[in-house]
Amino acid sequence: MHVIELVEFHDGEVERLVLEQGGLVVVHFSHLSIYETRAVDLYDIVSYEAELRATDAIELVLRGAISRGNKVAFLRVNDEEARSLSLEETQTMLKSGTAAELHFDNGATLAFRCSNIELILRRRGEVIEEWKGPL
């Protein structure tokens, strides 16, 4: 069992964006950095496939162009930045969210308004780095 300590949207890689009938928006991440606890102040940074799902979306706006290689700079939910939060803090922030913006390293922004947002971790990938020290 892997204990997830931290979710890091920074440098996340969006593989595709899906808009379904009924207002479901799904942002598929081919890579999202997840910090898993190995010992006190020792963590594996693991690449996960994940989905950011927004239900009952009433607005979806893309400003700028996103292409392969563009990475997420940060996620903002209800005007609050979601950087380096625990999984529980991330889920709480997302559940209270009705507006979200994914900002990319090239200046592009994907924004949506909806009734609910959730993060689903899918496939656990490889350990990409080790982190020593406090988070």
Protein backbone atom coordinates (compact mmCIF):
# COMPACT_ATOMS: atom_id res chain seq x y z
CA MET A 1 0.00 0.00 0.00
CA HIS A 2 1.38 3.37 -1.02
CA VAL A 3 0.74 6.34 1.28
CA ILE A 4 0.17 9.45 -0.81
CA GLU A 5 1.49 12.53 0.90
CA LEU A 6 1.32 15.24 -1.76
CA VAL A 7 -0.19 16.04 -5.17
CA GLU A 8 1.89 18.29 -7.45
CA PHE A 9 0.12 19.74 -10.51
CA HIS A 10 3.25 21.67 -11.52
CA ASP A 11 4.87 19.98 -14.55
CA GLY A 12 1.78 17.82 -15.08
CA GLU A 13 1.35 16.67 -18.68
CA VAL A 14 -2.12 16.85 -20.22
CA GLU A 15 -2.65 14.11 -22.78
CA ARG A 16 -6.16 15.01 -23.90
CA LEU A 17 -9.27 16.98 -23.06
CA VAL A 18 -12.69 15.37 -23.44
CA LEU A 19 -16.03 17.18 -23.43
CA GLU A 20 -19.04 14.87 -23.18
CA GLN A 21 -22.73 15.53 -23.55
CA GLY A 22 -24.32 16.54 -20.28
CA GLY A 23 -21.49 18.90 -19.39
CA LEU A 24 -18.76 16.47 -18.32
CA VAL A 25 -15.23 17.79 -18.87
CA VAL A 26 -12.36 15.33 -18.39
CA VAL A 27 -8.72 16.44 -18.43
CA HIS A 28 -6.52 13.35 -18.87
CA PHE A 29 -3.03 13.64 -17.41
CA SER A 30 -0.40 11.28 -18.79
CA HIS A 31 1.83 12.44 -15.92
CA LEU A 32 1.10 13.95 -12.52
CA SER A 33 3.74 13.95 -9.76
CA ILE A 34 2.57 12.23 -6.59
CA TYR A 35 4.76 12.11 -3.47
CA GLU A 36 4.56 8.80 -1.62
CA THR A 37 5.98 8.36 1.88
CA ARG A 38 8.86 5.90 2.29
CA ALA A 39 10.08 7.05 5.72
CA VAL A 40 10.19 10.21 7.80
CA ASP A 41 11.27 13.02 5.44
CA LEU A 42 11.88 10.51 2.61
CA TYR A 43 9.51 10.34 -0.37
CA ASP A 44 9.26 8.72 -3.78
CA ILE A 45 8.00 11.05 -6.49
CA VAL A 46 5.87 8.79 -8.65
CA SER A 47 4.38 9.50 -12.07
CA TYR A 48 0.64 8.77 -12.12
CA GLU A 49 -1.91 8.87 -14.88
CA ALA A 50 -4.86 10.87 -13.58
CA GLU A 51 -8.10 12.58 -14.52
CA LEU A 52 -9.50 15.91 -13.45
CA ARG A 53 -13.28 15.57 -13.89
CA ALA A 54 -15.69 18.51 -13.88
CA THR A 55 -19.42 17.75 -13.89
CA ASP A 56 -22.26 19.96 -15.09
CA ALA A 57 -19.85 22.30 -16.85
CA ILE A 58 -21.53 25.47 -18.05
CA GLU A 59 -18.44 27.16 -19.45
CA LEU A 60 -15.22 25.92 -21.02
CA VAL A 61 -12.64 28.40 -22.34
CA LEU A 62 -9.21 27.81 -23.83
CA ARG A 63 -6.99 30.88 -24.09
CA GLY A 64 -3.88 30.24 -26.18
CA ALA A 65 -2.76 26.97 -27.74
CA ILE A 66 -1.74 23.81 -25.91
CA SER A 67 0.47 21.32 -27.67
CA ARG A 68 2.43 18.23 -26.69
CA GLY A 69 5.29 19.22 -24.48
CA ASN A 70 3.42 22.04 -22.75
CA LYS A 71 3.28 21.37 -19.02
CA VAL A 72 0.98 22.62 -16.30
CA ALA A 73 2.37 25.58 -14.38
CA PHE A 74 -0.38 25.50 -11.73
CA LEU A 75 -4.04 24.81 -11.04
CA ARG A 76 -6.29 27.50 -9.59
CA VAL A 77 -9.65 26.57 -8.00
CA ASN A 78 -12.06 29.33 -6.97
CA ASP A 79 -9.16 31.83 -7.25
CA GLU A 80 -6.97 29.77 -4.90
CA GLU A 81 -3.82 28.11 -6.18
CA ALA A 82 -3.59 24.33 -5.69
CA ARG A 83 0.17 23.82 -5.37
CA SER A 84 1.78 21.12 -3.25
CA LEU A 85 -1.27 20.02 -1.27
CA SER A 86 -1.95 16.70 0.38
CA LEU A 87 -4.35 14.40 -1.45
CA GLU A 88 -7.03 15.15 1.16
CA GLU A 89 -6.50 18.93 0.88
CA THR A 90 -6.59 18.66 -2.92
CA GLN A 91 -9.84 16.66 -2.89
CA THR A 92 -11.44 19.08 -0.39
CA MET A 93 -10.42 22.08 -2.49
CA LEU A 94 -11.71 20.48 -5.68
CA LYS A 95 -15.04 19.39 -4.14
CA SER A 96 -15.74 22.96 -3.08
CA GLY A 97 -14.76 24.20 -6.53
CA THR A 98 -17.12 25.67 -9.08
CA ALA A 99 -14.46 27.38 -11.19
CA ALA A 100 -11.03 26.08 -12.15
CA GLU A 101 -8.17 27.17 -14.36
CA LEU A 102 -5.23 25.10 -15.55
CA HIS A 103 -2.35 27.42 -16.39
CA PHE A 104 0.35 26.12 -18.73
CA ASP A 105 4.04 26.95 -19.01
CA ASN A 106 3.50 28.64 -22.39
CA GLY A 107 0.90 31.08 -21.01
CA ALA A 108 -2.17 29.17 -22.22
CA THR A 109 -5.10 28.71 -19.84
CA LEU A 110 -7.92 26.17 -19.77
CA ALA A 111 -10.80 27.47 -17.64
CA PHE A 112 -14.15 25.95 -16.75
CA ARG A 113 -17.11 26.57 -14.48
CA CYS A 114 -19.06 23.60 -13.17
CA SER A 115 -20.91 22.12 -10.19
CA ASN A 116 -18.24 19.65 -9.02
CA ILE A 117 -14.57 18.86 -9.64
CA GLU A 118 -12.69 15.73 -8.64
CA LEU A 119 -9.26 14.23 -9.15
CA ILE A 120 -9.03 10.52 -9.90
CA LEU A 121 -5.65 8.85 -9.78
CA ARG A 122 -5.49 6.09 -12.38
CA ARG A 123 -2.37 4.09 -13.17
CA ARG A 124 0.65 4.30 -10.90
CA GLY A 125 3.78 4.62 -13.01
CA GLU A 126 7.47 4.69 -12.27
CA VAL A 127 9.32 6.36 -9.44
CA ILE A 128 10.92 9.32 -11.19
CA GLU A 129 12.80 10.88 -8.30
CA GLU A 130 13.49 10.66 -4.58
CA TRP A 131 12.85 13.59 -2.24
CA LYS A 132 14.67 13.93 1.07
CA GLY A 133 13.53 16.51 3.59
CA PRO A 134 10.29 18.06 4.76
CA LEU A 135 7.52 18.81 2.29
